[in-house]
Amino acid sequence: MVPVPPLLAQWAPSVSLQPLTPPVQPGWSRFNPSVVRHEGTTTIAVRSANYRLTEAGRYEMEDSAIRSQTVLVDLVDGRATHGRPLAIESGRTPSAYPVHGWEDVRLFSTDRGVAALATVRDVDESGLCRIALLLPAGDDRLCEVLVASPRPGRHEKNWAPWSTSGAPRAVYSWDPLRIVTIDPTTGATSLDDRGSSGLGPATRGGSGGVELDHGEWLFVVHEVHPTATGRAYLHRFVTIGADGLVARASPRLRLTGFGIEYVAGAAREHDDLLVTFGVGDRDAWLARLPLEGVLDRLQPLATRTAVLA
């Protein structure tokens, strides 16, 4: 039995929640948004899909395939502007596997502009989940570079991008903590194993990294727990210190309820922390919290080890 943890609003009473409702195709959902702060502009990517997730956990749709699109909105004076589509160029012909489009586009900032990581399944007939690195190619346009898995043949998703001025990096796994570096030209990867983090092996990626002071980075991670009625996603705020190891974490938290809730983005906007998440594969939300209040509530982890090169 999973103990019911506190809601985000109970743990951080100053949080404010805002629905994200950019225009989408009729009958399509809005969920799993990510967010990035780049050159003074806050941009949110909202996923939209043609299926419905029932309370029994089944996918229902009128189409012959699952299809995903991404809508961009800018945040101006705390309000989301009118949405516009994100164009992604791949230069390949999608396979016949019946899941099309880029899923859970996670925006992150680079010295070349806003880039992203996403999951894609229509590379070949197997439907294997692949990571796509999406590089800037013009206004509201990204270009796909397929990324090689560090473990070929494995379904890959939920990599947590880490903004950098060099080759893109991401958290590949949280316990053990493994950092993957991606060659932006070829998609080749290298893996840096930093040992046990103390978070637990069920911990998975959620948001990208938010740069803090003194070389520290903040992420939001999740665990999935079975319940009598399906699945429950529990989240934690986690920091990686300047030494490259997991340093502090929050307790496990619910966001708005006790079910399918999924954080896909986080960003720092002045003194606030923005966290973007989906609920039930149907709704997109933005949470705004005072950053200092979040950091003050984090506690050091007991286990911090490193594997030296």
C-alpha atoms as a PDB file:
ATOM      1  CA  MET A   1       0.000   0.000   0.000  1.00  0.00           C
ATOM      2  CA  VAL A   2       1.448   3.372  -1.017  1.00  0.00           C
ATOM      3  CA  PRO A   3       1.235   6.005   1.730  1.00  0.00           C
ATOM      4  CA  VAL A   4      -0.588   9.058   0.383  1.00  0.00           C
ATOM      5  CA  PRO A   5       1.951  11.900   0.342  1.00  0.00           C
ATOM      6  CA  PRO A   6       1.067  15.592   0.646  1.00  0.00           C
ATOM      7  CA  LEU A   7      -0.222  17.648  -2.252  1.00  0.00           C
ATOM      8  CA  LEU A   8       2.143  20.211  -3.745  1.00  0.00           C
ATOM      9  CA  ALA A   9      -0.115  22.971  -2.366  1.00  0.00           C
ATOM     10  CA  GLN A  10       0.188  21.496   1.132  1.00  0.00           C
ATOM     11  CA  TRP A  11       3.979  21.235   0.940  1.00  0.00           C
ATOM     12  CA  ALA A  12       4.351  24.662  -0.709  1.00  0.00           C
ATOM     13  CA  PRO A  13       1.204  26.700   0.130  1.00  0.00           C
ATOM     14  CA  SER A  14       2.352  29.674  -1.961  1.00  0.00           C
ATOM     15  CA  VAL A  15       2.062  27.716  -5.219  1.00  0.00           C
ATOM     16  CA  SER A  16      -0.303  29.018  -7.888  1.00  0.00           C
ATOM     17  CA  LEU A  17      -1.747  26.796 -10.627  1.00  0.00           C
ATOM     18  CA  GLN A  18      -2.749  27.862 -14.123  1.00  0.00           C
ATOM     19  CA  PRO A  19      -4.321  25.698 -16.857  1.00  0.00           C
ATOM     20  CA  LEU A  20      -2.644  25.769 -20.255  1.00  0.00           C
ATOM     21  CA  THR A  21      -5.252  25.751 -23.026  1.00  0.00           C
ATOM     22  CA  PRO A  22      -3.687  26.643 -26.388  1.00  0.00           C
ATOM     23  CA  PRO A  23      -5.820  25.861 -29.461  1.00  0.00           C
ATOM     24  CA  VAL A  24      -5.544  22.267 -30.675  1.00  0.00           C
ATOM     25  CA  GLN A  25      -7.374  20.115 -33.203  1.00  0.00           C
ATOM     26  CA  PRO A  26     -11.010  19.335 -32.292  1.00  0.00           C
ATOM     27  CA  GLY A  27     -11.184  16.449 -29.839  1.00  0.00           C
ATOM     28  CA  TRP A  28      -7.427  16.413 -29.186  1.00  0.00           C
ATOM     29  CA  SER A  29      -5.947  16.671 -25.689  1.00  0.00           C
ATOM     30  CA  ARG A  30      -3.400  18.999 -24.096  1.00  0.00           C
ATOM     31  CA  PHE A  31      -0.883  17.468 -21.693  1.00  0.00           C
ATOM     32  CA  ASN A  32       2.751  16.919 -20.599  1.00  0.00           C
ATOM     33  CA  PRO A  33       4.017  20.455 -21.252  1.00  0.00           C
ATOM     34  CA  SER A  34       7.673  21.443 -20.905  1.00  0.00           C
ATOM     35  CA  VAL A  35       9.094  24.926 -20.351  1.00  0.00           C
ATOM     36  CA  VAL A  36      12.331  26.775 -21.087  1.00  0.00           C
ATOM     37  CA  ARG A  37      13.720  30.225 -20.310  1.00  0.00           C
ATOM     38  CA  HIS A  38      15.960  31.475 -23.120  1.00  0.00           C
ATOM     39  CA  GLU A  39      17.288  34.994 -23.669  1.00  0.00           C
ATOM     40  CA  GLY A  40      14.585  36.523 -21.480  1.00  0.00           C
ATOM     41  CA  THR A  41      11.658  34.659 -23.037  1.00  0.00           C
ATOM     42  CA  THR A  42       9.714  31.861 -21.349  1.00  0.00           C
ATOM     43  CA  THR A  43       8.370  29.313 -23.848  1.00  0.00           C
ATOM     44  CA  ILE A  44       6.117  26.330 -23.137  1.00  0.00           C
ATOM     45  CA  ALA A  45       5.669  23.287 -25.391  1.00  0.00           C
ATOM     46  CA  VAL A  46       2.295  21.561 -24.905  1.00  0.00           C
ATOM     47  CA  ARG A  47       1.791  18.064 -26.263  1.00  0.00           C
ATOM     48  CA  SER A  48      -1.524  17.325 -27.996  1.00  0.00           C
ATOM     49  CA  ALA A  49      -2.697  13.857 -29.042  1.00  0.00           C
ATOM     50  CA  ASN A  50      -5.695  12.221 -30.707  1.00  0.00           C
ATOM     51  CA  TYR A  51      -6.448   9.624 -28.024  1.00  0.00           C
ATOM     52  CA  ARG A  52      -8.276   9.569 -24.714  1.00  0.00           C
ATOM     53  CA  LEU A  53      -7.069   7.740 -21.613  1.00  0.00           C
ATOM     54  CA  THR A  54     -10.040   6.156 -19.833  1.00  0.00           C
ATOM     55  CA  GLU A  55     -10.322   5.795 -16.070  1.00  0.00           C
ATOM     56  CA  ALA A  56      -9.575   2.110 -16.585  1.00  0.00           C
ATOM     57  CA  GLY A  57      -6.233   3.045 -18.162  1.00  0.00           C
ATOM     58  CA  ARG A  58      -7.203   2.146 -21.750  1.00  0.00           C
ATOM     59  CA  TYR A  59      -6.403   4.251 -24.818  1.00  0.00           C
ATOM     60  CA  GLU A  60      -9.391   5.103 -26.990  1.00  0.00           C
ATOM     61  CA  MET A  61      -9.349   6.888 -30.358  1.00  0.00           C
ATOM     62  CA  GLU A  62     -11.217   7.078 -33.628  1.00  0.00           C
ATOM     63  CA  ASP A  63      -8.051   7.041 -35.757  1.00  0.00           C
ATOM     64  CA  SER A  64      -6.023   3.998 -36.814  1.00  0.00           C
ATOM     65  CA  ALA A  65      -2.893   5.317 -35.103  1.00  0.00           C
ATOM     66  CA  ILE A  66      -1.822   7.415 -32.130  1.00  0.00           C
ATOM     67  CA  ARG A  67      -0.686  10.853 -33.313  1.00  0.00           C
ATOM     68  CA  SER A  68       1.048  13.623 -31.381  1.00  0.00           C
ATOM     69  CA  GLN A  69       1.690  17.279 -32.160  1.00  0.00           C
ATOM     70  CA  THR A  70       3.329  20.064 -30.158  1.00  0.00           C
ATOM     71  CA  VAL A  71       1.963  23.578 -29.643  1.00  0.00           C
ATOM     72  CA  LEU A  72       4.201  26.439 -28.450  1.00  0.00           C
ATOM     73  CA  VAL A  73       3.115  29.339 -26.273  1.00  0.00           C
ATOM     74  CA  ASP A  74       5.147  32.177 -24.763  1.00  0.00           C
ATOM     75  CA  LEU A  75       4.541  33.332 -21.222  1.00  0.00           C
ATOM     76  CA  VAL A  76       4.081  37.115 -21.099  1.00  0.00           C
ATOM     77  CA  ASP A  77       3.328  38.846 -17.797  1.00  0.00           C
ATOM     78  CA  GLY A  78       2.392  35.461 -16.368  1.00  0.00           C
ATOM     79  CA  ARG A  79      -0.132  34.652 -19.099  1.00  0.00           C
ATOM     80  CA  ALA A  80       0.222  32.200 -21.972  1.00  0.00           C
ATOM     81  CA  THR A  81      -0.021  33.788 -25.404  1.00  0.00           C
ATOM     82  CA  HIS A  82      -1.874  32.401 -28.421  1.00  0.00           C
ATOM     83  CA  GLY A  83      -0.416  29.044 -29.426  1.00  0.00           C
ATOM     84  CA  ARG A  84       1.372  28.192 -32.650  1.00  0.00           C
ATOM     85  CA  PRO A  85       2.527  24.810 -33.964  1.00  0.00           C
ATOM     86  CA  LEU A  86       6.075  23.559 -33.516  1.00  0.00           C
ATOM     87  CA  ALA A  87       7.460  22.331 -36.841  1.00  0.00           C
ATOM     88  CA  ILE A  88       9.866  19.382 -36.654  1.00  0.00           C
ATOM     89  CA  GLU A  89      11.868  18.278 -39.689  1.00  0.00           C
ATOM     90  CA  SER A  90      13.240  14.725 -39.801  1.00  0.00           C
ATOM     91  CA  GLY A  91      14.265  14.016 -43.401  1.00  0.00           C
ATOM     92  CA  ARG A  92      12.969  10.456 -43.050  1.00  0.00           C
ATOM     93  CA  THR A  93       9.786   8.622 -43.987  1.00  0.00           C
ATOM     94  CA  PRO A  94       7.859   7.458 -40.901  1.00  0.00           C
ATOM     95  CA  SER A  95       7.358   3.711 -40.609  1.00  0.00           C
ATOM     96  CA  ALA A  96       3.942   2.072 -40.563  1.00  0.00           C
ATOM     97  CA  TYR A  97       4.106   1.537 -36.797  1.00  0.00           C
ATOM     98  CA  PRO A  98       0.854   3.105 -35.533  1.00  0.00           C
ATOM     99  CA  VAL A  99       2.371   5.722 -33.192  1.00  0.00           C
ATOM    100  CA  HIS A 100       3.377   8.885 -35.052  1.00  0.00           C
ATOM    101  CA  GLY A 101       4.915  12.179 -34.050  1.00  0.00           C
ATOM    102  CA  TRP A 102       7.264  13.378 -31.341  1.00  0.00           C
ATOM    103  CA  GLU A 103       6.108  12.690 -27.787  1.00  0.00           C
ATOM    104  CA  ASP A 104       6.802  14.786 -24.672  1.00  0.00           C
ATOM    105  CA  VAL A 105       9.060  17.379 -26.306  1.00  0.00           C
ATOM    106  CA  ARG A 106      11.343  18.648 -23.519  1.00  0.00           C
ATOM    107  CA  LEU A 107      12.690  22.088 -24.362  1.00  0.00           C
ATOM    108  CA  PHE A 108      16.113  23.215 -23.146  1.00  0.00           C
ATOM    109  CA  SER A 109      18.397  26.179 -23.783  1.00  0.00           C
ATOM    110  CA  THR A 110      21.653  25.974 -25.743  1.00  0.00           C
ATOM    111  CA  ASP A 111      24.124  28.505 -27.115  1.00  0.00           C
ATOM    112  CA  ARG A 112      22.520  27.890 -30.552  1.00  0.00           C
ATOM    113  CA  GLY A 113      18.967  28.537 -29.344  1.00  0.00           C
ATOM    114  CA  VAL A 114      16.152  26.444 -27.911  1.00  0.00           C
ATOM    115  CA  ALA A 115      16.577  22.707 -28.517  1.00  0.00           C
ATOM    116  CA  ALA A 116      14.651  19.687 -27.235  1.00  0.00           C
ATOM    117  CA  LEU A 117      14.661  15.981 -26.530  1.00  0.00           C
ATOM    118  CA  ALA A 118      11.643  13.868 -27.464  1.00  0.00           C
ATOM    119  CA  THR A 119      10.552  10.254 -27.825  1.00  0.00           C
ATOM    120  CA  VAL A 120       9.710   8.901 -31.277  1.00  0.00           C
ATOM    121  CA  ARG A 121       8.400   5.424 -32.221  1.00  0.00           C
ATOM    122  CA  ASP A 122       7.936   5.462 -35.992  1.00  0.00           C
ATOM    123  CA  VAL A 123      11.607   5.163 -36.965  1.00  0.00           C
ATOM    124  CA  ASP A 124      11.150   1.539 -38.046  1.00  0.00           C
ATOM    125  CA  GLU A 125       8.511  -1.197 -37.967  1.00  0.00           C
ATOM    126  CA  SER A 126       9.524  -2.412 -34.495  1.00  0.00           C
ATOM    127  CA  GLY A 127       8.049   0.640 -32.759  1.00  0.00           C
ATOM    128  CA  LEU A 128      11.073   0.831 -30.468  1.00  0.00           C
ATOM    129  CA  CYS A 129      11.066   4.050 -28.438  1.00  0.00           C
ATOM    130  CA  ARG A 130      13.952   6.223 -29.646  1.00  0.00           C
ATOM    131  CA  ILE A 131      15.258   9.534 -28.353  1.00  0.00           C
ATOM    132  CA  ALA A 132      15.345  12.364 -30.876  1.00  0.00           C
ATOM    133  CA  LEU A 133      17.569  15.387 -30.344  1.00  0.00           C
ATOM    134  CA  LEU A 134      15.754  18.365 -31.875  1.00  0.00           C
ATOM    135  CA  LEU A 135      18.084  21.206 -32.860  1.00  0.00           C
ATOM    136  CA  PRO A 136      17.190  24.814 -33.757  1.00  0.00           C
ATOM    137  CA  ALA A 137      16.406  25.271 -37.465  1.00  0.00           C
ATOM    138  CA  GLY A 138      14.644  28.661 -37.529  1.00  0.00           C
ATOM    139  CA  ASP A 139      11.695  30.296 -35.806  1.00  0.00           C
ATOM    140  CA  ASP A 140       9.503  27.621 -34.204  1.00  0.00           C
ATOM    141  CA  ARG A 141      11.339  24.956 -36.224  1.00  0.00           C
ATOM    142  CA  LEU A 142      13.521  22.097 -34.991  1.00  0.00           C
ATOM    143  CA  CYS A 143      15.499  19.490 -36.922  1.00  0.00           C
ATOM    144  CA  GLU A 144      15.726  15.863 -35.775  1.00  0.00           C
ATOM    145  CA  VAL A 145      18.933  13.970 -35.029  1.00  0.00           C
ATOM    146  CA  LEU A 146      18.205  10.387 -33.950  1.00  0.00           C
ATOM    147  CA  VAL A 147      20.157   9.488 -30.821  1.00  0.00           C
ATOM    148  CA  ALA A 148      21.936   6.171 -30.300  1.00  0.00           C
ATOM    149  CA  SER A 149      20.893   4.320 -27.167  1.00  0.00           C
ATOM    150  CA  PRO A 150      23.660   3.579 -24.648  1.00  0.00           C
ATOM    151  CA  ARG A 151      21.931   0.176 -24.396  1.00  0.00           C
ATOM    152  CA  PRO A 152      20.932  -0.803 -27.964  1.00  0.00           C
ATOM    153  CA  GLY A 153      17.533  -2.448 -28.271  1.00  0.00           C
ATOM    154  CA  ARG A 154      16.149  -0.798 -25.119  1.00  0.00           C
ATOM    155  CA  HIS A 155      13.072   1.433 -25.159  1.00  0.00           C
ATOM    156  CA  GLU A 156      14.350   4.940 -24.388  1.00  0.00           C
ATOM    157  CA  LYS A 157      12.329   7.804 -22.928  1.00  0.00           C
ATOM    158  CA  ASN A 158      12.305  10.321 -20.086  1.00  0.00           C
ATOM    159  CA  TRP A 159      15.847  11.626 -20.538  1.00  0.00           C
ATOM    160  CA  ALA A 160      16.163  14.857 -18.521  1.00  0.00           C
ATOM    161  CA  PRO A 161      18.006  17.490 -20.613  1.00  0.00           C
ATOM    162  CA  TRP A 162      20.707  19.552 -19.000  1.00  0.00           C
ATOM    163  CA  SER A 163      21.371  22.932 -20.609  1.00  0.00           C
ATOM    164  CA  THR A 164      24.987  23.442 -21.574  1.00  0.00           C
ATOM    165  CA  SER A 165      27.156  25.498 -23.904  1.00  0.00           C
ATOM    166  CA  GLY A 166      28.782  22.360 -25.318  1.00  0.00           C
ATOM    167  CA  ALA A 167      27.414  19.014 -26.467  1.00  0.00           C
ATOM    168  CA  PRO A 168      23.896  18.344 -25.127  1.00  0.00           C
ATOM    169  CA  ARG A 169      23.712  16.319 -21.919  1.00  0.00           C
ATOM    170  CA  ALA A 170      20.875  14.601 -20.090  1.00  0.00           C
ATOM    171  CA  VAL A 171      20.291  12.522 -16.989  1.00  0.00           C
ATOM    172  CA  TYR A 172      19.928   8.987 -18.353  1.00  0.00           C
ATOM    173  CA  SER A 173      19.119   7.326 -15.018  1.00  0.00           C
ATOM    174  CA  TRP A 174      18.776   8.643 -11.484  1.00  0.00           C
ATOM    175  CA  ASP A 175      19.853   5.690  -9.343  1.00  0.00           C
ATOM    176  CA  PRO A 176      22.514   4.878 -10.286  1.00  0.00           C
ATOM    177  CA  LEU A 177      23.096   8.413 -11.513  1.00  0.00           C
ATOM    178  CA  ARG A 178      24.197   8.251 -15.156  1.00  0.00           C
ATOM    179  CA  ILE A 179      24.739  11.282 -17.382  1.00  0.00           C
ATOM    180  CA  VAL A 180      24.597  10.879 -21.161  1.00  0.00           C
ATOM    181  CA  THR A 181      26.384  13.225 -23.571  1.00  0.00           C
ATOM    182  CA  ILE A 182      25.088  13.434 -27.147  1.00  0.00           C
ATOM    183  CA  ASP A 183      27.070  14.231 -30.277  1.00  0.00           C
ATOM    184  CA  PRO A 184      24.752  16.766 -32.000  1.00  0.00           C
ATOM    185  CA  THR A 185      26.018  15.816 -35.458  1.00  0.00           C
ATOM    186  CA  THR A 186      25.876  12.019 -35.353  1.00  0.00           C
ATOM    187  CA  GLY A 187      23.633  11.287 -32.346  1.00  0.00           C
ATOM    188  CA  ALA A 188      26.348   9.098 -30.821  1.00  0.00           C
ATOM    189  CA  THR A 189      26.304   8.931 -27.019  1.00  0.00           C
ATOM    190  CA  SER A 190      28.746   8.458 -24.159  1.00  0.00           C
ATOM    191  CA  LEU A 191      27.736   7.579 -20.611  1.00  0.00           C
ATOM    192  CA  ASP A 192      29.198   8.881 -17.347  1.00  0.00           C
ATOM    193  CA  ASP A 193      28.356   6.598 -14.396  1.00  0.00           C
ATOM    194  CA  ARG A 194      28.407   8.487 -11.095  1.00  0.00           C
ATOM    195  CA  GLY A 195      27.236   5.702  -8.806  1.00  0.00           C
ATOM    196  CA  SER A 196      24.364   5.340  -6.374  1.00  0.00           C
ATOM    197  CA  SER A 197      22.370   8.509  -5.665  1.00  0.00           C
ATOM    198  CA  GLY A 198      20.175   7.349  -2.787  1.00  0.00           C
ATOM    199  CA  LEU A 199      16.952   8.209  -4.636  1.00  0.00           C
ATOM    200  CA  GLY A 200      15.979   4.605  -5.341  1.00  0.00           C
ATOM    201  CA  PRO A 201      16.016   2.618  -8.605  1.00  0.00           C
ATOM    202  CA  ALA A 202      12.369   3.412  -9.410  1.00  0.00           C
ATOM    203  CA  THR A 203      13.188   7.107  -9.889  1.00  0.00           C
ATOM    204  CA  ARG A 204      12.689   8.388 -13.453  1.00  0.00           C
ATOM    205  CA  GLY A 205      13.283  11.618 -15.304  1.00  0.00           C
ATOM    206  CA  GLY A 206      10.696  14.352 -15.493  1.00  0.00           C
ATOM    207  CA  SER A 207      11.854  17.928 -16.006  1.00  0.00           C
ATOM    208  CA  GLY A 208      15.059  19.234 -17.445  1.00  0.00           C
ATOM    209  CA  GLY A 209      17.619  20.929 -15.226  1.00  0.00           C
ATOM    210  CA  VAL A 210      17.176  24.418 -13.766  1.00  0.00           C
ATOM    211  CA  GLU A 211      20.438  26.255 -13.135  1.00  0.00           C
ATOM    212  CA  LEU A 212      20.773  27.591  -9.595  1.00  0.00           C
ATOM    213  CA  ASP A 213      23.568  29.474  -7.865  1.00  0.00           C
ATOM    214  CA  HIS A 214      27.004  28.030  -7.046  1.00  0.00           C
ATOM    215  CA  GLY A 215      26.928  25.360  -9.746  1.00  0.00           C
ATOM    216  CA  GLU A 216      23.828  23.554  -8.460  1.00  0.00           C
ATOM    217  CA  TRP A 217      20.979  22.286 -10.694  1.00  0.00           C
ATOM    218  CA  LEU A 218      17.359  21.527  -9.794  1.00  0.00           C
ATOM    219  CA  PHE A 219      15.209  18.807 -11.415  1.00  0.00           C
ATOM    220  CA  VAL A 220      11.771  17.303 -10.811  1.00  0.00           C
ATOM    221  CA  VAL A 221      11.707  13.476 -10.897  1.00  0.00           C
ATOM    222  CA  HIS A 222       8.964  10.881 -10.472  1.00  0.00           C
ATOM    223  CA  GLU A 223       8.158   7.334  -9.410  1.00  0.00           C
ATOM    224  CA  VAL A 224       5.231   5.242 -10.643  1.00  0.00           C
ATOM    225  CA  HIS A 225       3.293   3.215  -8.059  1.00  0.00           C
ATOM    226  CA  PRO A 226       0.479   0.724  -8.745  1.00  0.00           C
ATOM    227  CA  THR A 227      -2.835   1.418  -7.023  1.00  0.00           C
ATOM    228  CA  ALA A 228      -6.182  -0.362  -6.836  1.00  0.00           C
ATOM    229  CA  THR A 229      -7.456   1.816  -9.686  1.00  0.00           C
ATOM    230  CA  GLY A 230      -4.350   2.107 -11.887  1.00  0.00           C
ATOM    231  CA  ARG A 231      -1.124   4.049 -11.466  1.00  0.00           C
ATOM    232  CA  ALA A 232      -0.032   6.923  -9.263  1.00  0.00           C
ATOM    233  CA  TYR A 233       2.868   9.214 -10.136  1.00  0.00           C
ATOM    234  CA  LEU A 234       4.715  10.711  -7.173  1.00  0.00           C
ATOM    235  CA  HIS A 235       7.200  13.543  -7.673  1.00  0.00           C
ATOM    236  CA  ARG A 236      10.256  14.947  -5.890  1.00  0.00           C
ATOM    237  CA  PHE A 237      12.377  18.048  -6.300  1.00  0.00           C
ATOM    238  CA  VAL A 238      16.033  17.000  -6.561  1.00  0.00           C
ATOM    239  CA  THR A 239      19.310  18.916  -6.877  1.00  0.00           C
ATOM    240  CA  ILE A 240      22.630  17.938  -8.397  1.00  0.00           C
ATOM    241  CA  GLY A 241      25.514  19.807  -6.768  1.00  0.00           C
ATOM    242  CA  ALA A 242      28.572  21.400  -8.317  1.00  0.00           C
ATOM    243  CA  ASP A 243      30.410  18.099  -7.738  1.00  0.00           C
ATOM    244  CA  GLY A 244      28.018  16.353 -10.132  1.00  0.00           C
ATOM    245  CA  LEU A 245      26.251  14.254  -7.495  1.00  0.00           C
ATOM    246  CA  VAL A 246      22.671  14.262  -6.227  1.00  0.00           C
ATOM    247  CA  ALA A 247      22.685  16.512  -3.167  1.00  0.00           C
ATOM    248  CA  ARG A 248      19.203  17.311  -1.842  1.00  0.00           C
ATOM    249  CA  ALA A 249      15.618  16.176  -2.350  1.00  0.00           C
ATOM    250  CA  SER A 250      12.067  16.891  -1.257  1.00  0.00           C
ATOM    251  CA  PRO A 251       9.677  14.273   0.110  1.00  0.00           C
ATOM    252  CA  ARG A 252       7.430  12.505  -2.387  1.00  0.00           C
ATOM    253  CA  LEU A 253       4.576  14.755  -3.478  1.00  0.00           C
ATOM    254  CA  ARG A 254       1.280  14.608  -5.321  1.00  0.00           C
ATOM    255  CA  LEU A 255       0.540  17.491  -7.655  1.00  0.00           C
ATOM    256  CA  THR A 256      -3.252  17.815  -7.771  1.00  0.00           C
ATOM    257  CA  GLY A 257      -4.533  14.324  -6.962  1.00  0.00           C
ATOM    258  CA  PHE A 258      -3.436  10.691  -6.835  1.00  0.00           C
ATOM    259  CA  GLY A 259      -3.142   9.264 -10.318  1.00  0.00           C
ATOM    260  CA  ILE A 260      -1.467   9.937 -13.653  1.00  0.00           C
ATOM    261  CA  GLU A 261       0.317  13.247 -13.171  1.00  0.00           C
ATOM    262  CA  TYR A 262       3.493  13.892 -15.106  1.00  0.00           C
ATOM    263  CA  VAL A 263       6.042  16.701 -14.811  1.00  0.00           C
ATOM    264  CA  ALA A 264       7.870  17.319 -18.101  1.00  0.00           C
ATOM    265  CA  GLY A 265       9.369  20.761 -17.524  1.00  0.00           C
ATOM    266  CA  ALA A 266      10.830  23.261 -15.090  1.00  0.00           C
ATOM    267  CA  ALA A 267      12.418  26.688 -15.513  1.00  0.00           C
ATOM    268  CA  ARG A 268      13.558  29.642 -13.449  1.00  0.00           C
ATOM    269  CA  GLU A 269      11.816  32.949 -14.134  1.00  0.00           C
ATOM    270  CA  HIS A 270      13.378  35.650 -11.965  1.00  0.00           C
ATOM    271  CA  ASP A 271      12.662  34.575  -8.353  1.00  0.00           C
ATOM    272  CA  ASP A 272      10.050  31.988  -9.322  1.00  0.00           C
ATOM    273  CA  LEU A 273      10.246  28.332 -10.245  1.00  0.00           C
ATOM    274  CA  LEU A 274       7.927  27.262 -13.049  1.00  0.00           C
ATOM    275  CA  VAL A 275       6.886  23.608 -13.190  1.00  0.00           C
ATOM    276  CA  THR A 276       4.802  22.269 -16.087  1.00  0.00           C
ATOM    277  CA  PHE A 277       2.862  19.026 -15.893  1.00  0.00           C
ATOM    278  CA  GLY A 278       0.068  16.974 -17.400  1.00  0.00           C
ATOM    279  CA  VAL A 279      -2.865  15.277 -15.679  1.00  0.00           C
ATOM    280  CA  GLY A 280      -4.565  12.158 -17.008  1.00  0.00           C
ATOM    281  CA  ASP A 281      -3.072  12.575 -20.502  1.00  0.00           C
ATOM    282  CA  ARG A 282      -5.750  15.226 -21.093  1.00  0.00           C
ATOM    283  CA  ASP A 283      -4.898  18.477 -19.262  1.00  0.00           C
ATOM    284  CA  ALA A 284      -1.822  20.731 -19.159  1.00  0.00           C
ATOM    285  CA  TRP A 285      -0.896  22.850 -16.147  1.00  0.00           C
ATOM    286  CA  LEU A 286       1.656  25.433 -15.058  1.00  0.00           C
ATOM    287  CA  ALA A 287       2.667  25.719 -11.400  1.00  0.00           C
ATOM    288  CA  ARG A 288       4.487  28.805 -10.147  1.00  0.00           C
ATOM    289  CA  LEU A 289       6.372  28.677  -6.826  1.00  0.00           C
ATOM    290  CA  PRO A 290       8.861  30.970  -5.071  1.00  0.00           C
ATOM    291  CA  LEU A 291      12.186  29.295  -5.855  1.00  0.00           C
ATOM    292  CA  GLU A 292      13.735  30.109  -2.490  1.00  0.00           C
ATOM    293  CA  GLY A 293      10.824  28.461  -0.684  1.00  0.00           C
ATOM    294  CA  VAL A 294      11.347  25.224  -2.623  1.00  0.00           C
ATOM    295  CA  LEU A 295      15.097  25.159  -1.979  1.00  0.00           C
ATOM    296  CA  ASP A 296      14.621  25.858   1.732  1.00  0.00           C
ATOM    297  CA  ARG A 297      12.475  22.722   2.048  1.00  0.00           C
ATOM    298  CA  LEU A 298      14.952  20.309   0.450  1.00  0.00           C
ATOM    299  CA  GLN A 299      16.905  17.916   2.659  1.00  0.00           C
ATOM    300  CA  PRO A 300      20.365  16.383   2.097  1.00  0.00           C
ATOM    301  CA  LEU A 301      20.458  12.773   0.922  1.00  0.00           C
ATOM    302  CA  ALA A 302      22.349  10.293   3.047  1.00  0.00           C
ATOM    303  CA  THR A 303      23.913   8.381   0.134  1.00  0.00           C
ATOM    304  CA  ARG A 304      26.286  10.286  -2.128  1.00  0.00           C
ATOM    305  CA  THR A 305      28.923   8.266  -3.920  1.00  0.00           C
ATOM    306  CA  ALA A 306      30.862   8.746  -7.121  1.00  0.00           C
ATOM    307  CA  VAL A 307      32.576   6.438  -9.577  1.00  0.00           C
ATOM    308  CA  LEU A 308      35.885   8.002 -10.567  1.00  0.00           C
ATOM    309  CA  ALA A 309      37.096   7.802 -14.143  1.00  0.00           C
END
